[in-house]
Structures are given as C-alpha cells and as structure tokens.
C-alpha cells in the first residue's frame, strides 16, 4: 500500500511523561521522526537534547501555548509558533494554563535533499 493513515485519538499515550503519541511508528515513516505531544495545563515536558541521535528537530505548537526552556532561557510560545533546535540544544516544553499540544519532527542533519526553489 502506498499510504498510511492514523488518528491521534486511536494512539496510546506513552513516553517518559505519558504525553507523547508515537505517530512515526504507527504510520511506518522511515525518513524522519514524527510525534504528537499533549501537555496538560501547567505541566512540564521532558527536558532533553538530541546529541545521541544527531537529529535536528522542529516543533510546531498547534493548540494552547506556554513557554519553551531552551538552554536555560525561556521563550513564550502560542498556537502557530514553530521552533527549530540543533541536536546539542537542551529544550523543555512548559505548558501554560490551557495546556499545549505540539508536533515534533526530526531527522539527522544533512539527510534532506533540497529540490527545486522551495
């Protein structure tokens, strides 16, 4: 089959804080990481870096907001905020009073082969 489909509601929550749904695994994606996170109000996510995997990561806030602690500095985020992290950058999402839902996409640096003007 040339495609796969999942609905977030059908995926079990897991990970260190129980806030992640492992979308990549369920879809069978092999080119990049893709996870869905739902943090409850005022919750702190998992602080980490990607030194071991060497993944560059992009996080897209799709609902709610709060802050992101990045190498000790806190940055305000809201729906529509898009953040990019180098592998060695330490980061931690901090949900605001409405919680925060975001999608994380990651791949090793240099793995993307840019084509065309976009």
PDB file of N, CA and C in Angstrom:
ATOM      1  N   UNK A   1       0.849  -1.181   0.000  1.00  0.00           N
ATOM      2  CA  UNK A   1       0.000   0.000   0.000  1.00  0.00           C
ATOM      3  C   UNK A   1       0.888   1.236   0.000  1.00  0.00           C
ATOM      4  N   UNK A   2       0.537   2.249  -0.748  1.00  0.00           N
ATOM      5  CA  UNK A   2       1.339   3.456  -0.908  1.00  0.00           C
ATOM      6  C   UNK A   2       1.045   4.556   0.089  1.00  0.00           C
ATOM      7  N   UNK A   3       0.234   4.313   1.110  1.00  0.00           N
ATOM      8  CA  UNK A   3      -0.058   5.342   2.109  1.00  0.00           C
ATOM      9  C   UNK A   3      -0.458   4.675   3.420  1.00  0.00           C
ATOM     10  N   UNK A   4      -0.490   5.477   4.483  1.00  0.00           N
ATOM     11  CA  UNK A   4      -0.981   5.009   5.775  1.00  0.00           C
ATOM     12  C   UNK A   4      -1.695   6.170   6.458  1.00  0.00           C
ATOM     13  N   UNK A   5      -2.661   5.855   7.309  1.00  0.00           N
ATOM     14  CA  UNK A   5      -3.474   6.868   7.987  1.00  0.00           C
ATOM     15  C   UNK A   5      -3.674   6.445   9.437  1.00  0.00           C
ATOM     16  N   UNK A   6      -3.542   7.386  10.349  1.00  0.00           N
ATOM     17  CA  UNK A   6      -3.879   7.151  11.748  1.00  0.00           C
ATOM     18  C   UNK A   6      -4.638   8.369  12.265  1.00  0.00           C
ATOM     19  N   UNK A   7      -5.364   8.188  13.335  1.00  0.00           N
ATOM     20  CA  UNK A   7      -5.991   9.301  14.035  1.00  0.00           C
ATOM     21  C   UNK A   7      -5.388   9.345  15.429  1.00  0.00           C
ATOM     22  N   UNK A   8      -4.986  10.508  15.860  1.00  0.00           N
ATOM     23  CA  UNK A   8      -4.348  10.675  17.162  1.00  0.00           C
ATOM     24  C   UNK A   8      -5.190  10.060  18.274  1.00  0.00           C
ATOM     25  N   UNK A   9      -6.494  10.171  18.178  1.00  0.00           N
ATOM     26  CA  UNK A   9      -7.378   9.608  19.222  1.00  0.00           C
ATOM     27  C   UNK A   9      -7.217   8.103  19.366  1.00  0.00           C
ATOM     28  N   UNK A  10      -6.723   7.435  18.327  1.00  0.00           N
ATOM     29  CA  UNK A  10      -6.579   5.982  18.358  1.00  0.00           C
ATOM     30  C   UNK A  10      -5.212   5.514  18.863  1.00  0.00           C
ATOM     31  N   UNK A  11      -4.301   6.452  19.136  1.00  0.00           N
ATOM     32  CA  UNK A  11      -2.956   6.091  19.567  1.00  0.00           C
ATOM     33  C   UNK A  11      -2.824   6.215  21.084  1.00  0.00           C
ATOM     34  N   UNK A  12      -2.197   5.226  21.709  1.00  0.00           N
ATOM     35  CA  UNK A  12      -1.976   5.277  23.154  1.00  0.00           C
ATOM     36  C   UNK A  12      -0.901   6.298  23.487  1.00  0.00           C
ATOM     37  N   UNK A  13      -1.077   6.983  24.617  1.00  0.00           N
ATOM     38  CA  UNK A  13      -0.072   7.919  25.100  1.00  0.00           C
ATOM     39  C   UNK A  13       1.064   7.133  25.743  1.00  0.00           C
ATOM     40  N   UNK A  14       2.291   7.635  25.603  1.00  0.00           N
ATOM     41  CA  UNK A  14       3.452   6.962  26.179  1.00  0.00           C
ATOM     42  C   UNK A  14       4.564   7.941  26.437  1.00  0.00           C
ATOM     43  N   UNK A  15       5.774   7.451  26.457  1.00  0.00           N
ATOM     44  CA  UNK A  15       6.943   8.280  26.709  1.00  0.00           C
ATOM     45  C   UNK A  15       7.164   8.523  28.186  1.00  0.00           C
ATOM     46  N   UNK A  16       8.243   9.241  28.530  1.00  0.00           N
ATOM     47  CA  UNK A  16       8.614   9.457  29.928  1.00  0.00           C
ATOM     48  C   UNK A  16       7.548  10.167  30.763  1.00  0.00           C
ATOM     49  N   UNK A  17       6.758  11.043  30.121  1.00  0.00           N
ATOM     50  CA  UNK A  17       5.741  11.786  30.871  1.00  0.00           C
ATOM     51  C   UNK A  17       4.318  11.376  30.480  1.00  0.00           C
ATOM     52  N   UNK A  18       4.170  10.382  29.609  1.00  0.00           N
ATOM     53  CA  UNK A  18       2.842   9.953  29.171  1.00  0.00           C
ATOM     54  C   UNK A  18       2.150  10.943  28.270  1.00  0.00           C
ATOM     55  N   UNK A  19       2.905  11.876  27.688  1.00  0.00           N
ATOM     56  CA  UNK A  19       2.311  12.940  26.889  1.00  0.00           C
ATOM     57  C   UNK A  19       2.493  12.764  25.393  1.00  0.00           C
ATOM     58  N   UNK A  20       3.188  11.696  24.963  1.00  0.00           N
ATOM     59  CA  UNK A  20       3.533  11.571  23.549  1.00  0.00           C
ATOM     60  C   UNK A  20       2.774  10.434  22.883  1.00  0.00           C
ATOM     61  N   UNK A  21       2.426  10.666  21.635  1.00  0.00           N
ATOM     62  CA  UNK A  21       1.855   9.627  20.791  1.00  0.00           C
ATOM     63  C   UNK A  21       2.836   9.426  19.633  1.00  0.00           C
ATOM     64  N   UNK A  22       3.289   8.195  19.470  1.00  0.00           N
ATOM     65  CA  UNK A  22       4.366   7.883  18.524  1.00  0.00           C
ATOM     66  C   UNK A  22       3.803   7.692  17.113  1.00  0.00           C
ATOM     67  N   UNK A  23       3.605   8.793  16.437  1.00  0.00           N
ATOM     68  CA  UNK A  23       2.976   8.807  15.114  1.00  0.00           C
ATOM     69  C   UNK A  23       3.850   8.103  14.076  1.00  0.00           C
ATOM     70  N   UNK A  24       5.163   8.357  14.101  1.00  0.00           N
ATOM     71  CA  UNK A  24       6.055   7.751  13.113  1.00  0.00           C
ATOM     72  C   UNK A  24       5.912   6.239  13.100  1.00  0.00           C
ATOM     73  N   UNK A  25       5.931   5.647  14.262  1.00  0.00           N
ATOM     74  CA  UNK A  25       5.819   4.180  14.366  1.00  0.00           C
ATOM     75  C   UNK A  25       4.521   3.686  13.754  1.00  0.00           C
ATOM     76  N   UNK A  26       3.435   4.350  14.093  1.00  0.00           N
ATOM     77  CA  UNK A  26       2.117   3.910  13.621  1.00  0.00           C
ATOM     78  C   UNK A  26       1.946   4.087  12.124  1.00  0.00           C
ATOM     79  N   UNK A  27       2.541   5.140  11.568  1.00  0.00           N
ATOM     80  CA  UNK A  27       2.442   5.374  10.122  1.00  0.00           C
ATOM     81  C   UNK A  27       3.465   4.566   9.329  1.00  0.00           C
ATOM     82  N   UNK A  28       4.536   4.133  10.001  1.00  0.00           N
ATOM     83  CA  UNK A  28       5.600   3.426   9.303  1.00  0.00           C
ATOM     84  C   UNK A  28       6.565   4.354   8.590  1.00  0.00           C
ATOM     85  N   UNK A  29       6.690   5.598   9.063  1.00  0.00           N
ATOM     86  CA  UNK A  29       7.611   6.567   8.460  1.00  0.00           C
ATOM     87  C   UNK A  29       9.048   6.132   8.716  1.00  0.00           C
ATOM     88  N   UNK A  30       9.887   6.178   7.687  1.00  0.00           N
ATOM     89  CA  UNK A  30      11.284   5.782   7.806  1.00  0.00           C
ATOM     90  C   UNK A  30      12.259   6.923   7.545  1.00  0.00           C
ATOM     91  N   UNK A  31      11.785   8.069   7.064  1.00  0.00           N
ATOM     92  CA  UNK A  31      12.675   9.166   6.669  1.00  0.00           C
ATOM     93  C   UNK A  31      12.912  10.196   7.769  1.00  0.00           C
ATOM     94  N   UNK A  32      12.014  10.281   8.749  1.00  0.00           N
ATOM     95  CA  UNK A  32      12.121  11.291   9.802  1.00  0.00           C
ATOM     96  C   UNK A  32      11.266  10.876  10.989  1.00  0.00           C
ATOM     97  N   UNK A  33      11.557  11.475  12.142  1.00  0.00           N
ATOM     98  CA  UNK A  33      10.738  11.236  13.330  1.00  0.00           C
ATOM     99  C   UNK A  33       9.533  12.140  13.321  1.00  0.00           C
ATOM    100  N   UNK A  34       8.425  11.672  13.889  1.00  0.00           N
ATOM    101  CA  UNK A  34       7.197  12.452  13.950  1.00  0.00           C
ATOM    102  C   UNK A  34       6.408  12.008  15.166  1.00  0.00           C
ATOM    103  N   UNK A  35       6.232  12.920  16.123  1.00  0.00           N
ATOM    104  CA  UNK A  35       5.482  12.609  17.339  1.00  0.00           C
ATOM    105  C   UNK A  35       4.514  13.731  17.678  1.00  0.00           C
ATOM    106  N   UNK A  36       3.438  13.371  18.344  1.00  0.00           N
ATOM    107  CA  UNK A  36       2.383  14.289  18.772  1.00  0.00           C
ATOM    108  C   UNK A  36       2.438  14.346  20.291  1.00  0.00           C
ATOM    109  N   UNK A  37       2.488  15.546  20.861  1.00  0.00           N
ATOM    110  CA  UNK A  37       2.562  15.730  22.311  1.00  0.00           C
ATOM    111  C   UNK A  37       1.364  16.523  22.809  1.00  0.00           C
ATOM    112  N   UNK A  38       0.795  16.089  23.915  1.00  0.00           N
ATOM    113  CA  UNK A  38      -0.288  16.810  24.587  1.00  0.00           C
ATOM    114  C   UNK A  38       0.088  16.974  26.052  1.00  0.00           C
ATOM    115  N   UNK A  39       0.433  18.211  26.421  1.00  0.00           N
ATOM    116  CA  UNK A  39       0.766  18.503  27.812  1.00  0.00           C
ATOM    117  C   UNK A  39      -0.451  19.117  28.495  1.00  0.00           C
ATOM    118  N   UNK A  40      -0.809  18.627  29.680  1.00  0.00           N
ATOM    119  CA  UNK A  40      -1.931  19.228  30.410  1.00  0.00           C
ATOM    120  C   UNK A  40      -1.559  20.626  30.908  1.00  0.00           C
ATOM    121  N   UNK A  41      -2.533  21.383  31.383  1.00  0.00           N
ATOM    122  CA  UNK A  41      -2.257  22.728  31.884  1.00  0.00           C
ATOM    123  C   UNK A  41      -1.123  22.747  32.907  1.00  0.00           C
ATOM    124  N   UNK A  42      -0.229  23.716  32.727  1.00  0.00           N
ATOM    125  CA  UNK A  42       0.878  23.986  33.644  1.00  0.00           C
ATOM    126  C   UNK A  42       1.841  22.815  33.839  1.00  0.00           C
ATOM    127  N   UNK A  43       1.868  21.886  32.907  1.00  0.00           N
ATOM    128  CA  UNK A  43       2.756  20.727  33.011  1.00  0.00           C
ATOM    129  C   UNK A  43       4.117  21.033  32.382  1.00  0.00           C
ATOM    130  N   UNK A  44       5.136  20.354  32.883  1.00  0.00           N
ATOM    131  CA  UNK A  44       6.470  20.442  32.314  1.00  0.00           C
ATOM    132  C   UNK A  44       6.727  19.187  31.504  1.00  0.00           C
ATOM    133  N   UNK A  45       7.192  19.350  30.281  1.00  0.00           N
ATOM    134  CA  UNK A  45       7.516  18.219  29.431  1.00  0.00           C
ATOM    135  C   UNK A  45       8.865  17.624  29.797  1.00  0.00           C
ATOM    136  N   UNK A  46       9.425  16.864  28.889  1.00  0.00           N
ATOM    137  CA  UNK A  46      10.676  16.149  29.093  1.00  0.00           C
ATOM    138  C   UNK A  46      11.841  16.990  28.580  1.00  0.00           C
ATOM    139  N   UNK A  47      12.747  17.368  29.482  1.00  0.00           N
ATOM    140  CA  UNK A  47      13.917  18.134  29.071  1.00  0.00           C
ATOM    141  C   UNK A  47      14.932  17.182  28.445  1.00  0.00           C
ATOM    142  N   UNK A  48      15.439  17.544  27.276  1.00  0.00           N
ATOM    143  CA  UNK A  48      16.373  16.662  26.576  1.00  0.00           C
ATOM    144  C   UNK A  48      17.123  17.409  25.479  1.00  0.00           C
ATOM    145  N   UNK A  49      18.095  16.728  24.909  1.00  0.00           N
ATOM    146  CA  UNK A  49      18.743  17.164  23.684  1.00  0.00           C
ATOM    147  C   UNK A  49      18.760  15.950  22.757  1.00  0.00           C
ATOM    148  N   UNK A  50      19.278  16.112  21.567  1.00  0.00           N
ATOM    149  CA  UNK A  50      19.352  15.018  20.601  1.00  0.00           C
ATOM    150  C   UNK A  50      20.792  14.740  20.186  1.00  0.00           C
ATOM    151  N   UNK A  51      21.727  14.967  21.120  1.00  0.00           N
ATOM    152  CA  UNK A  51      23.143  14.701  20.823  1.00  0.00           C
ATOM    153  C   UNK A  51      23.348  13.270  20.342  1.00  0.00           C
ATOM    154  N   UNK A  52      22.721  12.330  21.006  1.00  0.00           N
ATOM    155  CA  UNK A  52      22.905  10.922  20.663  1.00  0.00           C
ATOM    156  C   UNK A  52      22.387  10.562  19.291  1.00  0.00           C
ATOM    157  N   UNK A  53      21.243  11.099  18.916  1.00  0.00           N
ATOM    158  CA  UNK A  53      20.641  10.775  17.618  1.00  0.00           C
ATOM    159  C   UNK A  53      21.113  11.702  16.503  1.00  0.00           C
ATOM    160  N   UNK A  54      21.673  12.867  16.905  1.00  0.00           N
ATOM    161  CA  UNK A  54      22.102  13.895  15.959  1.00  0.00           C
ATOM    162  C   UNK A  54      20.953  14.431  15.108  1.00  0.00           C
ATOM    163  N   UNK A  55      19.740  14.395  15.673  1.00  0.00           N
ATOM    164  CA  UNK A  55      18.586  14.916  14.938  1.00  0.00           C
ATOM    165  C   UNK A  55      18.420  16.417  15.143  1.00  0.00           C
ATOM    166  N   UNK A  56      18.197  17.114  14.049  1.00  0.00           N
ATOM    167  CA  UNK A  56      17.697  18.479  14.092  1.00  0.00           C
ATOM    168  C   UNK A  56      16.194  18.320  14.274  1.00  0.00           C
ATOM    169  N   UNK A  57      15.587  19.179  15.081  1.00  0.00           N
ATOM    170  CA  UNK A  57      14.172  18.984  15.401  1.00  0.00           C
ATOM    171  C   UNK A  57      13.402  20.279  15.183  1.00  0.00           C
ATOM    172  N   UNK A  58      12.177  20.142  14.702  1.00  0.00           N
ATOM    173  CA  UNK A  58      11.244  21.254  14.572  1.00  0.00           C
ATOM    174  C   UNK A  58      10.003  20.894  15.380  1.00  0.00           C
ATOM    175  N   UNK A  59       9.544  21.839  16.194  1.00  0.00           N
ATOM    176  CA  UNK A  59       8.324  21.653  16.975  1.00  0.00           C
ATOM    177  C   UNK A  59       7.315  22.711  16.540  1.00  0.00           C
ATOM    178  N   UNK A  60       6.074  22.298  16.295  1.00  0.00           N
ATOM    179  CA  UNK A  60       5.014  23.188  15.851  1.00  0.00           C
ATOM    180  C   UNK A  60       3.890  23.153  16.885  1.00  0.00           C
ATOM    181  N   UNK A  61       3.622  24.295  17.521  1.00  0.00           N
ATOM    182  CA  UNK A  61       2.539  24.384  18.509  1.00  0.00           C
ATOM    183  C   UNK A  61       1.223  24.495  17.747  1.00  0.00           C
ATOM    184  N   UNK A  62       0.319  23.519  17.987  1.00  0.00           N
ATOM    185  CA  UNK A  62      -0.943  23.519  17.239  1.00  0.00           C
ATOM    186  C   UNK A  62      -2.150  23.866  18.107  1.00  0.00           C
ATOM    187  N   UNK A  63      -1.955  23.868  19.426  1.00  0.00           N
ATOM    188  CA  UNK A  63      -3.048  24.229  20.326  1.00  0.00           C
ATOM    189  C   UNK A  63      -2.469  24.667  21.661  1.00  0.00           C
ATOM    190  N   UNK A  64      -3.098  25.655  22.290  1.00  0.00           N
ATOM    191  CA  UNK A  64      -2.626  26.131  23.584  1.00  0.00           C
ATOM    192  C   UNK A  64      -1.349  26.939  23.451  1.00  0.00           C
ATOM    193  N   UNK A  65      -0.523  26.875  24.480  1.00  0.00           N
ATOM    194  CA  UNK A  65       0.722  27.624  24.475  1.00  0.00           C
ATOM    195  C   UNK A  65       1.422  27.492  25.807  1.00  0.00           C
ATOM    196  N   UNK A  66       2.393  28.342  26.002  1.00  0.00           N
ATOM    197  CA  UNK A  66       3.176  28.322  27.222  1.00  0.00           C
ATOM    198  C   UNK A  66       4.556  28.879  26.963  1.00  0.00           C
ATOM    199  N   UNK A  67       5.566  28.101  27.363  1.00  0.00           N
ATOM    200  CA  UNK A  67       6.947  28.531  27.199  1.00  0.00           C
ATOM    201  C   UNK A  67       7.784  27.327  26.798  1.00  0.00           C
ATOM    202  N   UNK A  68       8.954  27.613  26.241  1.00  0.00           N
ATOM    203  CA  UNK A  68       9.937  26.577  25.969  1.00  0.00           C
ATOM    204  C   UNK A  68      11.216  27.003  26.666  1.00  0.00           C
ATOM    205  N   UNK A  69      11.767  26.135  27.494  1.00  0.00           N
ATOM    206  CA  UNK A  69      13.055  26.405  28.119  1.00  0.00           C
ATOM    207  C   UNK A  69      14.136  25.864  27.176  1.00  0.00           C
ATOM    208  N   UNK A  70      14.977  26.770  26.666  1.00  0.00           N
ATOM    209  CA  UNK A  70      15.980  26.419  25.665  1.00  0.00           C
ATOM    210  C   UNK A  70      17.346  26.842  26.209  1.00  0.00           C
ATOM    211  N   UNK A  71      18.164  25.850  26.523  1.00  0.00           N
ATOM    212  CA  UNK A  71      19.481  26.119  27.111  1.00  0.00           C
ATOM    213  C   UNK A  71      19.380  27.113  28.271  1.00  0.00           C
ATOM    214  N   UNK A  72      18.350  26.946  29.106  1.00  0.00           N
ATOM    215  CA  UNK A  72      18.172  27.773  30.299  1.00  0.00           C
ATOM    216  C   UNK A  72      17.372  29.045  30.090  1.00  0.00           C
ATOM    217  N   UNK A  73      17.135  29.443  28.847  1.00  0.00           N
ATOM    218  CA  UNK A  73      16.355  30.651  28.555  1.00  0.00           C
ATOM    219  C   UNK A  73      14.920  30.250  28.255  1.00  0.00           C
ATOM    220  N   UNK A  74      13.938  31.013  28.764  1.00  0.00           N
ATOM    221  CA  UNK A  74      12.534  30.696  28.499  1.00  0.00           C
ATOM    222  C   UNK A  74      11.972  31.614  27.420  1.00  0.00           C
ATOM    223  N   UNK A  75      11.304  30.986  26.434  1.00  0.00           N
ATOM    224  CA  UNK A  75      10.734  31.672  25.273  1.00  0.00           C
ATOM    225  C   UNK A  75       9.223  31.427  25.274  1.00  0.00           C
ATOM    226  N   UNK A  76       8.422  32.483  25.152  1.00  0.00           N
ATOM    227  CA  UNK A  76       6.973  32.341  25.058  1.00  0.00           C
ATOM    228  C   UNK A  76       6.593  31.735  23.714  1.00  0.00           C
ATOM    229  N   UNK A  77       5.613  30.819  23.739  1.00  0.00           N
ATOM    230  CA  UNK A  77       5.089  30.222  22.513  1.00  0.00           C
ATOM    231  C   UNK A  77       3.567  30.192  22.570  1.00  0.00           C
ATOM    232  N   UNK A  78       2.953  30.146  21.413  1.00  0.00           N
ATOM    233  CA  UNK A  78       1.498  30.075  21.297  1.00  0.00           C
ATOM    234  C   UNK A  78       1.163  29.285  20.047  1.00  0.00           C
ATOM    235  N   UNK A  79      -0.126  29.044  19.845  1.00  0.00           N
ATOM    236  CA  UNK A  79      -0.560  28.348  18.634  1.00  0.00           C
ATOM    237  C   UNK A  79       0.070  29.016  17.415  1.00  0.00           C
ATOM    238  N   UNK A  80       0.682  28.207  16.563  1.00  0.00           N
ATOM    239  CA  UNK A  80       1.335  28.729  15.374  1.00  0.00           C
ATOM    240  C   UNK A  80       2.829  28.960  15.528  1.00  0.00           C
ATOM    241  N   UNK A  81       3.349  28.889  16.754  1.00  0.00           N
ATOM    242  CA  UNK A  81       4.797  29.034  16.950  1.00  0.00           C
ATOM    243  C   UNK A  81       5.507  27.803  16.392  1.00  0.00           C
ATOM    244  N   UNK A  82       6.618  28.045  15.692  1.00  0.00           N
ATOM    245  CA  UNK A  82       7.431  26.970  15.119  1.00  0.00           C
ATOM    246  C   UNK A  82       8.856  27.169  15.627  1.00  0.00           C
ATOM    247  N   UNK A  83       9.415  26.135  16.247  1.00  0.00           N
ATOM    248  CA  UNK A  83      10.758  26.212  16.823  1.00  0.00           C
ATOM    249  C   UNK A  83      11.658  25.177  16.166  1.00  0.00           C
ATOM    250  N   UNK A  84      12.921  25.548  15.907  1.00  0.00           N
ATOM    251  CA  UNK A  84      13.911  24.617  15.375  1.00  0.00           C
ATOM    252  C   UNK A  84      15.038  24.495  16.380  1.00  0.00           C
ATOM    253  N   UNK A  85      15.516  23.255  16.591  1.00  0.00           N
ATOM    254  CA  UNK A  85      16.583  23.011  17.559  1.00  0.00           C
ATOM    255  C   UNK A  85      17.737  22.259  16.919  1.00  0.00           C
ATOM    256  N   UNK A  86      18.961  22.719  17.201  1.00  0.00           N
ATOM    257  CA  UNK A  86      20.151  21.946  16.862  1.00  0.00           C
ATOM    258  C   UNK A  86      20.176  20.709  17.753  1.00  0.00           C
ATOM    259  N   UNK A  87      20.830  19.637  17.355  1.00  0.00           N
ATOM    260  CA  UNK A  87      20.862  18.421  18.160  1.00  0.00           C
ATOM    261  C   UNK A  87      21.390  18.632  19.582  1.00  0.00           C
ATOM    262  N   UNK A  88      22.393  19.502  19.741  1.00  0.00           N
ATOM    263  CA  UNK A  88      23.015  19.685  21.050  1.00  0.00           C
ATOM    264  C   UNK A  88      22.287  20.672  21.956  1.00  0.00           C
ATOM    265  N   UNK A  89      21.201  21.272  21.475  1.00  0.00           N
ATOM    266  CA  UNK A  89      20.445  22.242  22.259  1.00  0.00           C
ATOM    267  C   UNK A  89      19.511  21.531  23.236  1.00  0.00           C
ATOM    268  N   UNK A  90      19.593  21.911  24.514  1.00  0.00           N
ATOM    269  CA  UNK A  90      18.702  21.350  25.534  1.00  0.00           C
ATOM    270  C   UNK A  90      17.394  22.131  25.505  1.00  0.00           C
ATOM    271  N   UNK A  91      16.283  21.391  25.495  1.00  0.00           N
ATOM    272  CA  UNK A  91      14.970  22.039  25.424  1.00  0.00           C
ATOM    273  C   UNK A  91      13.953  21.299  26.275  1.00  0.00           C
ATOM    274  N   UNK A  92      12.938  22.072  26.706  1.00  0.00           N
ATOM    275  CA  UNK A  92      11.877  21.512  27.540  1.00  0.00           C
ATOM    276  C   UNK A  92      10.619  22.353  27.360  1.00  0.00           C
ATOM    277  N   UNK A  93       9.507  21.746  26.921  1.00  0.00           N
ATOM    278  CA  UNK A  93       8.249  22.488  26.807  1.00  0.00           C
ATOM    279  C   UNK A  93       7.595  22.658  28.178  1.00  0.00           C
ATOM    280  N   UNK A  94       7.008  23.829  28.396  1.00  0.00           N
ATOM    281  CA  UNK A  94       6.312  24.153  29.632  1.00  0.00           C
ATOM    282  C   UNK A  94       4.926  24.661  29.265  1.00  0.00           C
ATOM    283  N   UNK A  95       3.908  23.861  29.506  1.00  0.00           N
ATOM    284  CA  UNK A  95       2.550  24.234  29.115  1.00  0.00           C
ATOM    285  C   UNK A  95       2.023  25.377  29.968  1.00  0.00           C
ATOM    286  N   UNK A  96       1.221  26.222  29.355  1.00  0.00           N
ATOM    287  CA  UNK A  96       0.545  27.298  30.066  1.00  0.00           C
ATOM    288  C   UNK A  96      -0.764  26.803  30.673  1.00  0.00           C
ATOM    289  N   UNK A  97      -1.618  27.712  31.120  1.00  0.00           N
ATOM    290  CA  UNK A  97      -2.857  27.346  31.803  1.00  0.00           C
ATOM    291  C   UNK A  97      -3.870  26.594  30.931  1.00  0.00           C
ATOM    292  N   UNK A  98      -3.732  26.692  29.610  1.00  0.00           N
ATOM    293  CA  UNK A  98      -4.626  25.976  28.694  1.00  0.00           C
ATOM    294  C   UNK A  98      -4.014  24.688  28.160  1.00  0.00           C
ATOM    295  N   UNK A  99      -2.841  24.307  28.679  1.00  0.00           N
ATOM    296  CA  UNK A  99      -2.147  23.145  28.150  1.00  0.00           C
ATOM    297  C   UNK A  99      -1.459  23.503  26.838  1.00  0.00           C
ATOM    298  N   UNK A 100      -0.795  22.518  26.262  1.00  0.00           N
ATOM    299  CA  UNK A 100      -0.119  22.764  24.991  1.00  0.00           C
ATOM    300  C   UNK A 100      -0.033  21.461  24.196  1.00  0.00           C
ATOM    301  N   UNK A 101      -0.444  21.535  22.944  1.00  0.00           N
ATOM    302  CA  UNK A 101      -0.319  20.423  22.013  1.00  0.00           C
ATOM    303  C   UNK A 101       0.645  20.850  20.920  1.00  0.00           C
ATOM    304  N   UNK A 102       1.623  19.974  20.636  1.00  0.00           N
ATOM    305  CA  UNK A 102       2.583  20.291  19.587  1.00  0.00           C
ATOM    306  C   UNK A 102       3.019  19.018  18.872  1.00  0.00           C
ATOM    307  N   UNK A 103       3.519  19.225  17.674  1.00  0.00           N
ATOM    308  CA  UNK A 103       4.048  18.140  16.856  1.00  0.00           C
ATOM    309  C   UNK A 103       5.554  18.345  16.752  1.00  0.00           C
ATOM    310  N   UNK A 104       6.308  17.262  16.935  1.00  0.00           N
ATOM    311  CA  UNK A 104       7.770  17.297  16.807  1.00  0.00           C
ATOM    312  C   UNK A 104       8.180  16.479  15.585  1.00  0.00           C
ATOM    313  N   UNK A 105       9.021  17.083  14.741  1.00  0.00           N
ATOM    314  CA  UNK A 105       9.530  16.434  13.546  1.00  0.00           C
ATOM    315  C   UNK A 105      11.056  16.483  13.621  1.00  0.00           C
ATOM    316  N   UNK A 106      11.704  15.353  13.397  1.00  0.00           N
ATOM    317  CA  UNK A 106      13.156  15.345  13.498  1.00  0.00           C
ATOM    318  C   UNK A 106      13.804  14.433  12.472  1.00  0.00           C
ATOM    319  N   UNK A 107      15.021  14.809  12.068  1.00  0.00           N
ATOM    320  CA  UNK A 107      15.836  13.990  11.160  1.00  0.00           C
ATOM    321  C   UNK A 107      17.288  14.393  11.346  1.00  0.00           C
ATOM    322  N   UNK A 108      18.181  13.505  10.976  1.00  0.00           N
ATOM    323  CA  UNK A 108      19.604  13.827  11.059  1.00  0.00           C
ATOM    324  C   UNK A 108      19.934  14.957  10.100  1.00  0.00           C
ATOM    325  N   UNK A 109      20.779  15.854  10.549  1.00  0.00           N
ATOM    326  CA  UNK A 109      21.228  16.956   9.692  1.00  0.00           C
ATOM    327  C   UNK A 109      21.840  16.412   8.412  1.00  0.00           C
ATOM    328  N   UNK A 110      21.540  17.088   7.322  1.00  0.00           N
ATOM    329  CA  UNK A 110      22.110  16.700   6.042  1.00  0.00           C
ATOM    330  C   UNK A 110      21.341  15.602   5.335  1.00  0.00           C
ATOM    331  N   UNK A 111      20.291  15.056   5.973  1.00  0.00           N
ATOM    332  CA  UNK A 111      19.558  13.960   5.335  1.00  0.00           C
ATOM    333  C   UNK A 111      18.539  14.453   4.309  1.00  0.00           C
ATOM    334  N   UNK A 112      18.209  15.734   4.354  1.00  0.00           N
ATOM    335  CA  UNK A 112      17.245  16.286   3.404  1.00  0.00           C
ATOM    336  C   UNK A 112      17.965  16.696   2.127  1.00  0.00           C
ATOM    337  N   UNK A 113      17.424  16.295   0.998  1.00  0.00           N
ATOM    338  CA  UNK A 113      17.971  16.639  -0.303  1.00  0.00           C
ATOM    339  C   UNK A 113      17.053  17.671  -0.936  1.00  0.00           C
ATOM    340  N   UNK A 114      17.421  18.945  -0.790  1.00  0.00           N
ATOM    341  CA  UNK A 114      16.577  20.035  -1.309  1.00  0.00           C
ATOM    342  C   UNK A 114      16.467  19.948  -2.827  1.00  0.00           C
ATOM    343  N   UNK A 115      15.238  20.106  -3.312  1.00  0.00           N
ATOM    344  CA  UNK A 115      14.990  20.063  -4.758  1.00  0.00           C
ATOM    345  C   UNK A 115      14.099  21.245  -5.128  1.00  0.00           C
ATOM    346  N   UNK A 116      14.408  21.869  -6.220  1.00  0.00           N
ATOM    347  CA  UNK A 116      13.587  22.959  -6.704  1.00  0.00           C
ATOM    348  C   UNK A 116      13.729  24.223  -5.856  1.00  0.00           C
ATOM    349  N   UNK A 117      12.939  25.236  -6.155  1.00  0.00           N
ATOM    350  CA  UNK A 117      13.069  26.531  -5.480  1.00  0.00           C
ATOM    351  C   UNK A 117      12.485  26.556  -4.061  1.00  0.00           C
ATOM    352  N   UNK A 118      11.808  25.498  -3.633  1.00  0.00           N
ATOM    353  CA  UNK A 118      11.153  25.530  -2.324  1.00  0.00           C
ATOM    354  C   UNK A 118      11.935  24.759  -1.313  1.00  0.00           C
TER     355      UNK A 118
END
